[in-house]
Amino acid sequence: MTEIDEGFYSRQLYVLGHEAMHRMGAADVLIAGMRGLGVEIAKNVILSGVKSVTVQDEGHTGWTDLSTQFFLNESHLGQNRATCSLPQLSSLNSHVHVSAHPGPLDKDLLLKFQVVVLTDSSLDDQKRFADTKDSVGNQLFCDFGKDFMVLDQDGEMPASAMIQTIFKDNPGVVICTDDQKHGFSDGSKVSFSGVQGMTELNTRGPWEIKVRSYIGDISGFSEYERGGVVTEVKQPCTISFKPLSEALLDQELLIFNDFGKMERHKTLHLTFQALHTL
């Protein structure tokens, strides 16, 4: 496993943690399209610390590119956008291997990468490539495949509560202090720390909570004395995503965001599809 440069990635490590950074550091990413949007995404992905980034674009620099693509200038007019952007992108992060692919997109190319980002592709190409890769994204759609493992379902801090007392029984009963709601629900998994007396709880688990804070059999544990904190242990779950060709037809997936315009999200959905036919 590649060592993480903790000095270079110090802020990111604080937010994401070592496990997430190691997983990112093993990812090969393809970014298709080196216009304004594509180069901005490429810059951010390279700075994030993935294993490698390949930028793809068959097009040549035109005058309109100079107003949105900050790594292109007049000397690049008529030259390939991907190869012209490569020197500046490569200088952003010495820990990330950056390369350019001036040729066309095809399925063989996409299969070399764990993540593919399409920024300037037709809707037909998006549908075609979505059937090839489990991870294809653009400004409106992400498909992570049929069995995508989510380690944290809500991104919130784990719930925790101070313990008032624990009854040694089968099942055991945990009573939290009255000055706060513990925030746990039936089926939540929790761990214990700082418990005095019944110290077995500190080293075992996680424990599944039942209604009214029942946990498993602790009748053979030591007597509870005082103190302790109970903390939620988040459990991974598997989510399945529909491919783009199916998702386009499923209006239940559209996000409703304006109560004043009840059908607006459906109209926008059809409008964006219509723009690809022009």
Protein backbone atom coordinates (compact mmCIF):
# COMPACT_ATOMS: atom_id res chain seq x y z
CA MET A 1 0.00 0.00 0.00
CA THR A 2 1.40 3.41 -1.01
CA GLU A 3 2.38 5.70 1.85
CA ILE A 4 0.35 8.90 2.18
CA ASP A 5 2.22 12.22 2.21
CA GLU A 6 0.64 13.51 5.42
CA GLY A 7 2.19 16.94 5.01
CA PHE A 8 0.78 17.43 1.52
CA TYR A 9 -2.66 15.94 2.30
CA SER A 10 -2.97 17.11 5.93
CA ARG A 11 -6.29 18.94 5.57
CA GLN A 12 -7.83 16.24 3.42
CA LEU A 13 -6.71 13.51 5.82
CA TYR A 14 -8.42 15.33 8.67
CA VAL A 15 -11.73 15.27 6.78
CA LEU A 16 -11.59 11.88 4.99
CA GLY A 17 -9.32 9.75 7.14
CA HIS A 18 -6.57 7.30 6.14
CA GLU A 19 -8.86 4.52 4.90
CA ALA A 20 -10.64 6.74 2.37
CA MET A 21 -7.35 8.27 1.23
CA HIS A 22 -5.81 4.83 0.64
CA ARG A 23 -8.85 3.80 -1.43
CA MET A 24 -8.62 7.00 -3.48
CA GLY A 25 -4.90 6.43 -3.93
CA ALA A 26 -5.62 3.16 -5.73
CA ALA A 27 -8.07 4.65 -8.26
CA ASP A 28 -7.34 5.23 -11.95
CA VAL A 29 -9.57 7.99 -13.32
CA LEU A 30 -10.46 8.93 -16.88
CA ILE A 31 -11.86 12.41 -17.54
CA ALA A 32 -13.29 12.86 -21.03
CA GLY A 33 -13.51 16.37 -22.44
CA MET A 34 -10.99 19.14 -21.77
CA ARG A 35 -13.17 22.19 -22.13
CA GLY A 36 -13.86 24.46 -19.15
CA LEU A 37 -15.81 21.91 -17.08
CA GLY A 38 -13.47 19.02 -17.79
CA VAL A 39 -10.27 20.87 -16.85
CA GLU A 40 -11.82 22.08 -13.57
CA ILE A 41 -12.79 18.50 -12.65
CA ALA A 42 -9.36 17.21 -13.67
CA LYS A 43 -7.64 19.83 -11.50
CA ASN A 44 -9.69 18.91 -8.42
CA VAL A 45 -9.32 15.15 -8.92
CA ILE A 46 -5.55 15.42 -9.35
CA LEU A 47 -5.24 17.51 -6.19
CA SER A 48 -7.36 14.97 -4.27
CA GLY A 49 -4.66 12.30 -4.57
CA VAL A 50 -5.92 9.48 -6.78
CA LYS A 51 -3.45 7.03 -8.32
CA SER A 52 -3.64 8.33 -11.90
CA VAL A 53 -5.66 10.65 -14.12
CA THR A 54 -5.98 10.37 -17.89
CA VAL A 55 -7.52 13.32 -19.72
CA GLN A 56 -9.15 12.56 -23.09
CA ASP A 57 -10.22 14.90 -25.85
CA GLU A 58 -10.18 14.53 -29.64
CA GLY A 59 -10.92 18.20 -30.19
CA HIS A 60 -8.59 21.03 -31.05
CA THR A 61 -8.28 24.35 -29.26
CA GLY A 62 -10.49 27.11 -30.66
CA TRP A 63 -10.95 30.76 -29.73
CA THR A 64 -14.01 29.97 -27.60
CA ASP A 65 -11.95 27.62 -25.42
CA LEU A 66 -9.74 30.48 -24.27
CA SER A 67 -12.61 32.07 -22.32
CA THR A 68 -13.31 29.00 -20.15
CA GLN A 69 -10.27 26.71 -20.20
CA PHE A 70 -7.64 28.31 -17.94
CA PHE A 71 -4.76 26.07 -19.11
CA LEU A 72 -5.10 27.04 -22.79
CA ASN A 73 -3.80 30.16 -24.51
CA GLU A 74 -3.40 31.54 -28.04
CA SER A 75 -0.28 29.46 -28.69
CA HIS A 76 -2.45 26.32 -28.38
CA LEU A 77 -4.91 27.26 -31.14
CA GLY A 78 -5.40 24.37 -33.54
CA GLN A 79 -3.70 21.86 -31.21
CA ASN A 80 -5.27 19.04 -29.22
CA ARG A 81 -6.88 20.26 -25.97
CA ALA A 82 -5.82 17.22 -23.90
CA THR A 83 -2.13 17.29 -24.84
CA CYS A 84 -1.93 21.08 -24.43
CA SER A 85 -3.43 20.86 -20.93
CA LEU A 86 -1.13 18.02 -19.82
CA PRO A 87 1.94 20.04 -18.67
CA GLN A 88 -0.08 22.30 -16.37
CA LEU A 89 -2.18 19.45 -14.98
CA SER A 90 0.91 17.30 -14.32
CA SER A 91 2.51 20.06 -12.27
CA LEU A 92 -0.39 20.21 -9.82
CA ASN A 93 0.49 17.07 -7.84
CA SER A 94 3.70 15.08 -8.19
CA HIS A 95 2.08 12.12 -6.40
CA VAL A 96 -0.45 11.58 -9.23
CA HIS A 97 0.48 10.21 -12.66
CA VAL A 98 -1.25 12.34 -15.33
CA SER A 99 -1.44 11.40 -19.01
CA ALA A 100 -3.31 12.54 -22.11
CA HIS A 101 -5.31 10.50 -24.62
CA PRO A 102 -6.02 12.49 -27.80
CA GLY A 103 -7.81 9.58 -29.45
CA PRO A 104 -11.49 8.59 -29.37
CA LEU A 105 -13.38 7.01 -26.48
CA ASP A 106 -14.13 3.31 -26.77
CA LYS A 107 -15.13 0.49 -24.44
CA ASP A 108 -11.63 -1.00 -24.28
CA LEU A 109 -10.29 2.32 -23.02
CA LEU A 110 -13.01 2.73 -20.38
CA LEU A 111 -12.42 -0.75 -18.94
CA LYS A 112 -8.93 0.31 -17.83
CA PHE A 113 -10.35 2.75 -15.26
CA GLN A 114 -12.28 2.49 -11.99
CA VAL A 115 -13.92 5.90 -12.49
CA VAL A 116 -14.94 7.58 -15.74
CA VAL A 117 -16.18 11.16 -15.95
CA LEU A 118 -17.91 12.33 -19.12
CA THR A 119 -18.17 16.11 -19.52
CA ASP A 120 -18.70 16.69 -23.23
CA SER A 121 -20.36 13.52 -24.55
CA SER A 122 -23.64 13.10 -26.40
CA LEU A 123 -26.56 11.40 -24.68
CA ASP A 124 -26.15 8.40 -27.01
CA ASP A 125 -22.51 8.03 -25.93
CA GLN A 126 -23.48 8.36 -22.28
CA LYS A 127 -26.00 5.53 -22.63
CA ARG A 128 -23.53 3.39 -24.55
CA PHE A 129 -20.69 3.83 -22.08
CA ALA A 130 -22.98 3.50 -19.05
CA ASP A 131 -23.56 -0.12 -20.06
CA THR A 132 -19.79 -0.66 -20.02
CA LYS A 133 -18.76 0.92 -16.72
CA ASP A 134 -20.28 0.82 -13.24
CA SER A 135 -19.05 4.32 -12.48
CA VAL A 136 -19.98 6.90 -15.08
CA GLY A 137 -20.83 10.45 -14.12
CA ASN A 138 -21.85 13.75 -15.63
CA GLN A 139 -23.51 16.88 -14.33
CA LEU A 140 -26.83 15.12 -13.75
CA PHE A 141 -26.30 11.40 -13.24
CA CYS A 142 -24.10 8.93 -11.34
CA ASP A 143 -24.25 5.15 -11.66
CA PHE A 144 -22.23 3.13 -9.13
CA GLY A 145 -23.44 -0.27 -10.26
CA LYS A 146 -25.65 -2.99 -8.83
CA ASP A 147 -23.77 -3.68 -5.59
CA PHE A 148 -22.27 -0.45 -4.26
CA MET A 149 -21.13 -0.62 -0.64
CA VAL A 150 -21.88 2.49 1.47
CA LEU A 151 -19.98 2.61 4.76
CA ASP A 152 -21.84 5.63 6.17
CA GLN A 153 -25.45 6.12 5.10
CA ASP A 154 -26.00 9.70 6.33
CA GLY A 155 -22.58 11.28 6.92
CA GLU A 156 -23.60 12.44 10.39
CA MET A 157 -21.53 12.05 13.52
CA PRO A 158 -22.35 8.78 15.34
CA ALA A 159 -24.93 9.25 18.09
CA SER A 160 -23.67 8.86 21.65
CA ALA A 161 -25.06 9.13 25.19
CA MET A 162 -23.89 9.07 28.77
CA ILE A 163 -24.84 5.98 30.76
CA GLN A 164 -26.75 6.28 34.03
CA THR A 165 -26.90 2.59 34.94
CA ILE A 166 -26.83 -0.90 33.43
CA PHE A 167 -28.90 -3.82 34.69
CA LYS A 168 -27.07 -7.13 34.54
CA ASP A 169 -29.61 -9.50 32.96
CA ASN A 170 -30.53 -11.44 29.81
CA PRO A 171 -31.13 -9.27 27.92
CA GLY A 172 -29.22 -6.50 29.64
CA VAL A 173 -30.83 -3.08 30.05
CA VAL A 174 -28.95 0.19 29.56
CA ILE A 175 -30.40 3.39 31.04
CA CYS A 176 -29.03 6.67 29.69
CA THR A 177 -29.05 9.99 31.55
CA ASP A 178 -32.37 11.84 31.47
CA ASP A 179 -30.96 15.16 30.25
CA GLN A 180 -30.59 14.03 26.62
CA LYS A 181 -32.21 11.81 24.00
CA HIS A 182 -29.87 9.02 23.05
CA GLY A 183 -30.84 9.08 19.35
CA PHE A 184 -30.63 5.31 18.87
CA SER A 185 -33.32 3.28 17.13
CA ASP A 186 -34.37 -0.35 17.24
CA GLY A 187 -31.67 -2.39 15.51
CA SER A 188 -28.88 0.17 15.95
CA LYS A 189 -25.40 -1.19 16.67
CA VAL A 190 -23.47 0.42 19.54
CA SER A 191 -20.18 0.12 21.41
CA PHE A 192 -19.34 0.96 25.02
CA SER A 193 -16.39 2.80 26.52
CA GLY A 194 -15.41 4.04 29.94
CA VAL A 195 -17.70 1.62 31.76
CA GLN A 196 -16.42 0.84 35.27
CA GLY A 197 -17.22 -2.42 36.95
CA MET A 198 -18.81 -4.16 33.98
CA THR A 199 -15.65 -3.68 31.94
CA GLU A 200 -16.48 -6.57 29.60
CA LEU A 201 -18.71 -4.15 27.69
CA ASN A 202 -15.71 -1.98 26.80
CA THR A 203 -13.97 -4.75 24.86
CA ARG A 204 -16.86 -6.57 23.19
CA GLY A 205 -19.41 -5.69 20.59
CA PRO A 206 -20.77 -3.98 18.68
CA TRP A 207 -24.08 -4.66 20.42
CA GLU A 208 -27.48 -4.52 18.76
CA ILE A 209 -30.03 -2.42 20.61
CA LYS A 210 -33.62 -3.55 20.94
CA VAL A 211 -36.65 -1.52 22.02
CA ARG A 212 -36.15 0.30 25.36
CA SER A 213 -32.36 -0.06 25.20
CA TYR A 214 -32.17 -3.83 25.62
CA ILE A 215 -28.86 -5.34 24.56
CA GLY A 216 -27.63 -8.96 24.51
CA ASP A 217 -27.00 -11.39 27.33
CA ILE A 218 -24.74 -9.78 29.95
CA SER A 219 -25.92 -11.87 32.89
CA GLY A 220 -22.44 -13.37 33.26
CA PHE A 221 -20.63 -10.01 33.33
CA SER A 222 -19.29 -8.18 36.35
CA GLU A 223 -21.52 -5.81 38.31
CA TYR A 224 -21.91 -2.32 36.86
CA GLU A 225 -20.44 0.39 39.05
CA ARG A 226 -20.58 3.74 37.29
CA GLY A 227 -19.78 5.82 34.22
CA GLY A 228 -19.52 4.95 30.57
CA VAL A 229 -20.52 6.17 27.14
CA VAL A 230 -22.56 4.28 24.55
CA THR A 231 -21.76 5.20 20.93
CA GLU A 232 -23.43 4.26 17.66
CA VAL A 233 -21.43 1.95 15.37
CA LYS A 234 -22.43 2.68 11.78
CA GLN A 235 -23.06 -0.37 9.63
CA PRO A 236 -22.32 -0.66 5.91
CA CYS A 237 -25.14 -1.24 3.47
CA THR A 238 -25.35 -2.20 -0.21
CA ILE A 239 -27.17 0.05 -2.69
CA SER A 240 -28.11 -0.82 -6.27
CA PHE A 241 -28.16 1.80 -9.02
CA LYS A 242 -30.02 1.69 -12.31
CA PRO A 243 -28.02 2.26 -15.51
CA LEU A 244 -28.54 5.54 -17.32
CA SER A 245 -30.74 4.05 -20.06
CA GLU A 246 -33.22 2.80 -17.42
CA ALA A 247 -32.97 5.80 -15.11
CA LEU A 248 -33.93 8.20 -17.91
CA LEU A 249 -37.31 6.45 -18.14
CA ASP A 250 -37.98 6.30 -14.38
CA GLN A 251 -39.56 9.59 -13.31
CA GLU A 252 -39.71 8.39 -9.70
CA LEU A 253 -35.96 9.07 -9.51
CA LEU A 254 -36.41 12.77 -10.30
CA ILE A 255 -35.87 15.08 -7.32
CA PHE A 256 -38.79 17.42 -6.63
CA ASN A 257 -37.43 20.77 -5.40
CA ASP A 258 -40.03 23.51 -6.04
CA PHE A 259 -43.53 23.36 -4.53
CA GLY A 260 -44.53 26.39 -6.58
CA LYS A 261 -43.83 24.58 -9.86
CA MET A 262 -45.04 21.04 -9.35
CA GLU A 263 -44.07 19.69 -12.79
CA ARG A 264 -40.92 21.74 -13.32
CA HIS A 265 -38.49 18.91 -12.54
CA LYS A 266 -40.16 16.67 -15.14
CA THR A 267 -40.05 19.44 -17.75
CA LEU A 268 -36.35 20.04 -17.11
CA HIS A 269 -35.68 16.31 -17.38
CA LEU A 270 -37.21 16.20 -20.87
CA THR A 271 -35.59 19.52 -21.86
CA PHE A 272 -32.06 18.29 -21.19
CA GLN A 273 -32.73 15.16 -23.23
CA ALA A 274 -34.13 17.27 -26.08
CA LEU A 275 -30.99 19.45 -26.14
CA HIS A 276 -28.92 16.40 -27.07
CA THR A 277 -30.95 15.96 -30.25
CA LEU A 278 -30.07 19.43 -31.59
